[in-house]
Amino acid sequence: MAVMTVFTGFLSPGQSQSWWATVQYPNNNPDLFLSWLLRAVHQAGHQTHSNHIVEITRMQVERTPGGPVYHFDIRSTGTHPTDFEMLVNYTSF
């Protein structure tokens, strides 16, 4: 099982963004299970603030000849500007 950062970003309170990503499978093995995790990252000096909140409002996968493409809409629902990172955990099945 491996975890890697796929992309990072920044959202102001109430802001939404759309992202897309591909994950190239190790050894071209398509038999992997992907689990996505969106994680808020506190900015310096904000570690004690509890209102850094981000959420995935859409997750969609598109099959293409080059492999799957994942589409995400991410929204900030907190009251503070928030950096975030999208992680993927993959494991063979």
N, C-alpha and C. Protein backbone atom coordinates (compact mmCIF):
# COMPACT_ATOMS: atom_id res chain seq x y z
N MET A 1 0.85 -1.16 0.00
CA MET A 1 0.00 0.00 0.00
C MET A 1 0.90 1.23 0.00
N ALA A 2 0.56 2.17 -0.87
CA ALA A 2 1.36 3.39 -0.97
C ALA A 2 0.44 4.60 -0.96
N VAL A 3 0.94 5.71 -0.44
CA VAL A 3 0.20 6.97 -0.42
C VAL A 3 1.07 8.02 -1.10
N MET A 4 0.46 8.81 -1.97
CA MET A 4 1.22 9.88 -2.61
C MET A 4 0.36 11.11 -2.78
N THR A 5 0.99 12.27 -2.79
CA THR A 5 0.31 13.53 -3.05
C THR A 5 0.16 13.67 -4.55
N VAL A 6 -1.08 13.92 -5.00
CA VAL A 6 -1.35 14.07 -6.43
C VAL A 6 -1.36 15.54 -6.82
N PHE A 7 -2.00 16.40 -6.00
CA PHE A 7 -1.95 17.84 -6.25
C PHE A 7 -2.23 18.59 -4.96
N THR A 8 -1.87 19.87 -4.97
CA THR A 8 -2.10 20.75 -3.84
C THR A 8 -2.76 22.03 -4.34
N GLY A 9 -3.40 22.78 -3.44
CA GLY A 9 -4.04 24.01 -3.85
C GLY A 9 -4.36 24.89 -2.66
N PHE A 10 -5.06 25.97 -2.94
CA PHE A 10 -5.44 26.96 -1.94
C PHE A 10 -6.87 27.41 -2.24
N LEU A 11 -7.69 27.52 -1.19
CA LEU A 11 -9.06 28.01 -1.34
C LEU A 11 -9.35 29.09 -0.31
N SER A 12 -10.00 30.15 -0.75
CA SER A 12 -10.53 31.16 0.16
C SER A 12 -11.87 30.66 0.68
N PRO A 13 -12.37 31.20 1.78
CA PRO A 13 -13.67 30.78 2.30
C PRO A 13 -14.76 30.91 1.22
N GLY A 14 -15.54 29.84 1.03
CA GLY A 14 -16.63 29.84 0.06
C GLY A 14 -16.21 29.55 -1.37
N GLN A 15 -14.93 29.50 -1.66
CA GLN A 15 -14.45 29.29 -3.01
C GLN A 15 -14.51 27.81 -3.40
N SER A 16 -14.73 27.54 -4.70
CA SER A 16 -14.68 26.19 -5.25
C SER A 16 -13.69 26.15 -6.40
N GLN A 17 -13.10 24.99 -6.62
CA GLN A 17 -12.19 24.77 -7.74
C GLN A 17 -12.45 23.39 -8.32
N SER A 18 -12.18 23.27 -9.62
CA SER A 18 -12.25 21.98 -10.30
C SER A 18 -10.84 21.53 -10.63
N TRP A 19 -10.57 20.25 -10.41
CA TRP A 19 -9.27 19.66 -10.68
C TRP A 19 -9.46 18.35 -11.42
N TRP A 20 -8.43 17.91 -12.12
CA TRP A 20 -8.42 16.58 -12.70
C TRP A 20 -7.05 15.98 -12.48
N ALA A 21 -6.99 14.66 -12.48
CA ALA A 21 -5.71 13.98 -12.24
C ALA A 21 -5.75 12.61 -12.89
N THR A 22 -4.58 12.14 -13.25
CA THR A 22 -4.42 10.75 -13.68
C THR A 22 -3.44 10.10 -12.71
N VAL A 23 -3.59 8.82 -12.55
CA VAL A 23 -2.65 8.05 -11.73
C VAL A 23 -2.09 6.95 -12.61
N GLN A 24 -0.80 7.02 -12.88
CA GLN A 24 -0.16 5.99 -13.68
C GLN A 24 0.15 4.81 -12.77
N TYR A 25 -0.32 3.67 -13.16
CA TYR A 25 -0.19 2.49 -12.31
C TYR A 25 1.23 1.91 -12.37
N PRO A 26 1.77 1.49 -11.22
CA PRO A 26 3.08 0.85 -11.22
C PRO A 26 3.07 -0.40 -12.11
N ASN A 27 4.06 -0.54 -12.93
CA ASN A 27 4.19 -1.69 -13.84
C ASN A 27 2.98 -1.85 -14.76
N ASN A 28 2.28 -0.75 -15.03
CA ASN A 28 1.09 -0.78 -15.89
C ASN A 28 0.02 -1.74 -15.38
N ASN A 29 -0.07 -1.94 -14.09
CA ASN A 29 -1.05 -2.84 -13.49
C ASN A 29 -2.34 -2.08 -13.24
N PRO A 30 -3.41 -2.36 -14.01
CA PRO A 30 -4.67 -1.64 -13.79
C PRO A 30 -5.48 -2.20 -12.62
N ASP A 31 -5.05 -3.31 -12.03
CA ASP A 31 -5.81 -3.93 -10.94
C ASP A 31 -5.43 -3.33 -9.59
N LEU A 32 -5.67 -2.03 -9.48
CA LEU A 32 -5.39 -1.32 -8.25
C LEU A 32 -6.67 -0.68 -7.73
N PHE A 33 -6.78 -0.63 -6.43
CA PHE A 33 -7.89 0.07 -5.79
C PHE A 33 -7.35 1.41 -5.31
N LEU A 34 -8.01 2.50 -5.73
CA LEU A 34 -7.59 3.85 -5.34
C LEU A 34 -8.55 4.40 -4.30
N SER A 35 -7.99 4.98 -3.28
CA SER A 35 -8.77 5.64 -2.24
C SER A 35 -8.25 7.08 -2.15
N TRP A 36 -9.12 8.06 -2.37
CA TRP A 36 -8.72 9.46 -2.40
C TRP A 36 -8.96 10.11 -1.04
N LEU A 37 -8.06 11.00 -0.65
CA LEU A 37 -8.18 11.71 0.61
C LEU A 37 -7.86 13.18 0.39
N LEU A 38 -8.79 14.04 0.74
CA LEU A 38 -8.57 15.48 0.71
C LEU A 38 -8.21 15.92 2.12
N ARG A 39 -7.09 16.61 2.25
CA ARG A 39 -6.61 16.99 3.58
C ARG A 39 -6.35 18.49 3.63
N ALA A 40 -6.97 19.15 4.61
CA ALA A 40 -6.70 20.57 4.84
C ALA A 40 -5.33 20.70 5.50
N VAL A 41 -4.57 21.67 5.05
CA VAL A 41 -3.24 21.92 5.61
C VAL A 41 -3.27 23.32 6.22
N HIS A 42 -3.03 23.41 7.51
CA HIS A 42 -3.06 24.70 8.19
C HIS A 42 -1.87 25.55 7.78
N GLN A 43 -2.13 26.82 7.54
CA GLN A 43 -1.06 27.75 7.24
C GLN A 43 -0.33 28.11 8.53
N ALA A 44 0.87 28.61 8.38
CA ALA A 44 1.67 28.99 9.56
C ALA A 44 0.88 29.94 10.44
N GLY A 45 0.86 29.67 11.73
CA GLY A 45 0.14 30.50 12.68
C GLY A 45 -1.33 30.15 12.83
N HIS A 46 -1.83 29.20 12.05
CA HIS A 46 -3.24 28.84 12.09
C HIS A 46 -3.47 27.43 12.64
N GLN A 47 -2.49 26.82 13.23
CA GLN A 47 -2.62 25.45 13.70
C GLN A 47 -3.75 25.27 14.72
N THR A 48 -4.05 26.29 15.48
CA THR A 48 -5.08 26.16 16.52
C THR A 48 -6.47 26.54 16.02
N HIS A 49 -6.60 27.03 14.79
CA HIS A 49 -7.91 27.39 14.25
C HIS A 49 -8.62 26.12 13.77
N SER A 50 -9.89 26.02 14.09
CA SER A 50 -10.64 24.81 13.72
C SER A 50 -11.48 24.99 12.47
N ASN A 51 -11.48 26.15 11.84
CA ASN A 51 -12.37 26.40 10.72
C ASN A 51 -11.69 26.35 9.36
N HIS A 52 -10.69 25.50 9.21
CA HIS A 52 -10.08 25.22 7.91
C HIS A 52 -10.77 23.96 7.40
N ILE A 53 -11.81 24.14 6.59
CA ILE A 53 -12.62 23.01 6.16
C ILE A 53 -12.71 22.99 4.64
N VAL A 54 -12.38 21.86 4.04
CA VAL A 54 -12.54 21.66 2.60
C VAL A 54 -13.27 20.35 2.38
N GLU A 55 -14.00 20.26 1.27
CA GLU A 55 -14.74 19.04 0.98
C GLU A 55 -14.75 18.78 -0.52
N ILE A 56 -14.86 17.51 -0.87
CA ILE A 56 -15.03 17.11 -2.27
C ILE A 56 -16.53 17.14 -2.55
N THR A 57 -16.94 17.96 -3.51
CA THR A 57 -18.36 18.02 -3.84
C THR A 57 -18.69 17.21 -5.09
N ARG A 58 -17.68 16.82 -5.85
CA ARG A 58 -17.88 15.94 -7.00
C ARG A 58 -16.61 15.14 -7.21
N MET A 59 -16.78 13.85 -7.42
CA MET A 59 -15.68 12.98 -7.82
C MET A 59 -16.21 12.09 -8.94
N GLN A 60 -15.51 12.10 -10.06
CA GLN A 60 -15.97 11.39 -11.25
C GLN A 60 -14.77 10.76 -11.92
N VAL A 61 -14.95 9.58 -12.48
CA VAL A 61 -13.85 8.93 -13.21
C VAL A 61 -14.27 8.75 -14.66
N GLU A 62 -13.33 9.03 -15.55
CA GLU A 62 -13.55 8.91 -16.99
C GLU A 62 -12.54 7.92 -17.55
N ARG A 63 -13.03 6.91 -18.26
CA ARG A 63 -12.13 5.95 -18.88
C ARG A 63 -11.65 6.51 -20.22
N THR A 64 -10.35 6.56 -20.41
CA THR A 64 -9.77 7.05 -21.66
C THR A 64 -8.77 6.01 -22.16
N PRO A 65 -8.36 6.09 -23.43
CA PRO A 65 -7.37 5.15 -23.93
C PRO A 65 -6.05 5.19 -23.16
N GLY A 66 -5.73 6.34 -22.56
CA GLY A 66 -4.50 6.48 -21.79
C GLY A 66 -4.65 6.08 -20.33
N GLY A 67 -5.83 5.63 -19.94
CA GLY A 67 -6.08 5.27 -18.56
C GLY A 67 -7.15 6.15 -17.95
N PRO A 68 -7.53 5.88 -16.71
CA PRO A 68 -8.59 6.67 -16.09
C PRO A 68 -8.16 8.10 -15.77
N VAL A 69 -9.10 9.02 -15.92
CA VAL A 69 -8.91 10.42 -15.55
C VAL A 69 -9.95 10.72 -14.46
N TYR A 70 -9.49 11.25 -13.35
CA TYR A 70 -10.35 11.54 -12.21
C TYR A 70 -10.62 13.05 -12.17
N HIS A 71 -11.89 13.41 -11.99
CA HIS A 71 -12.31 14.81 -11.94
C HIS A 71 -12.84 15.10 -10.54
N PHE A 72 -12.47 16.25 -9.98
CA PHE A 72 -12.88 16.64 -8.64
C PHE A 72 -13.34 18.09 -8.61
N ASP A 73 -14.39 18.36 -7.86
CA ASP A 73 -14.75 19.71 -7.47
C ASP A 73 -14.50 19.79 -5.97
N ILE A 74 -13.77 20.80 -5.56
CA ILE A 74 -13.38 20.95 -4.16
C ILE A 74 -13.86 22.32 -3.69
N ARG A 75 -14.45 22.36 -2.49
CA ARG A 75 -15.02 23.60 -1.97
C ARG A 75 -14.55 23.84 -0.54
N SER A 76 -14.32 25.11 -0.24
CA SER A 76 -13.99 25.51 1.12
C SER A 76 -15.29 25.90 1.82
N THR A 77 -15.57 25.25 2.96
CA THR A 77 -16.77 25.58 3.73
C THR A 77 -16.41 26.19 5.07
N GLY A 78 -15.14 26.43 5.29
CA GLY A 78 -14.70 27.03 6.54
C GLY A 78 -14.68 28.55 6.47
N THR A 79 -14.22 29.15 7.54
CA THR A 79 -14.18 30.62 7.63
C THR A 79 -12.77 31.18 7.44
N HIS A 80 -11.79 30.29 7.21
CA HIS A 80 -10.40 30.72 7.03
C HIS A 80 -9.88 30.25 5.67
N PRO A 81 -8.98 31.00 5.04
CA PRO A 81 -8.31 30.51 3.84
C PRO A 81 -7.58 29.20 4.17
N THR A 82 -7.61 28.27 3.25
CA THR A 82 -7.07 26.95 3.55
C THR A 82 -6.26 26.40 2.39
N ASP A 83 -5.04 25.97 2.69
CA ASP A 83 -4.27 25.17 1.75
C ASP A 83 -4.77 23.73 1.87
N PHE A 84 -4.68 22.98 0.78
CA PHE A 84 -5.11 21.59 0.84
C PHE A 84 -4.21 20.73 -0.02
N GLU A 85 -4.26 19.44 0.22
CA GLU A 85 -3.58 18.50 -0.66
C GLU A 85 -4.50 17.31 -0.89
N MET A 86 -4.45 16.80 -2.11
CA MET A 86 -5.20 15.61 -2.47
C MET A 86 -4.24 14.45 -2.51
N LEU A 87 -4.50 13.45 -1.70
CA LEU A 87 -3.67 12.27 -1.61
C LEU A 87 -4.40 11.10 -2.23
N VAL A 88 -3.66 10.13 -2.72
CA VAL A 88 -4.25 8.88 -3.18
C VAL A 88 -3.51 7.74 -2.51
N ASN A 89 -4.28 6.78 -2.06
CA ASN A 89 -3.76 5.56 -1.47
C ASN A 89 -4.10 4.45 -2.47
N TYR A 90 -3.11 3.70 -2.90
CA TYR A 90 -3.42 2.62 -3.84
C TYR A 90 -2.90 1.29 -3.33
N THR A 91 -3.69 0.26 -3.63
CA THR A 91 -3.33 -1.10 -3.22
C THR A 91 -3.80 -2.07 -4.30
N SER A 92 -3.09 -3.14 -4.51
CA SER A 92 -3.48 -4.15 -5.50
C SER A 92 -4.66 -4.96 -4.98
N PHE A 93 -5.47 -5.43 -5.91
CA PHE A 93 -6.53 -6.37 -5.52
C PHE A 93 -6.51 -7.55 -6.43
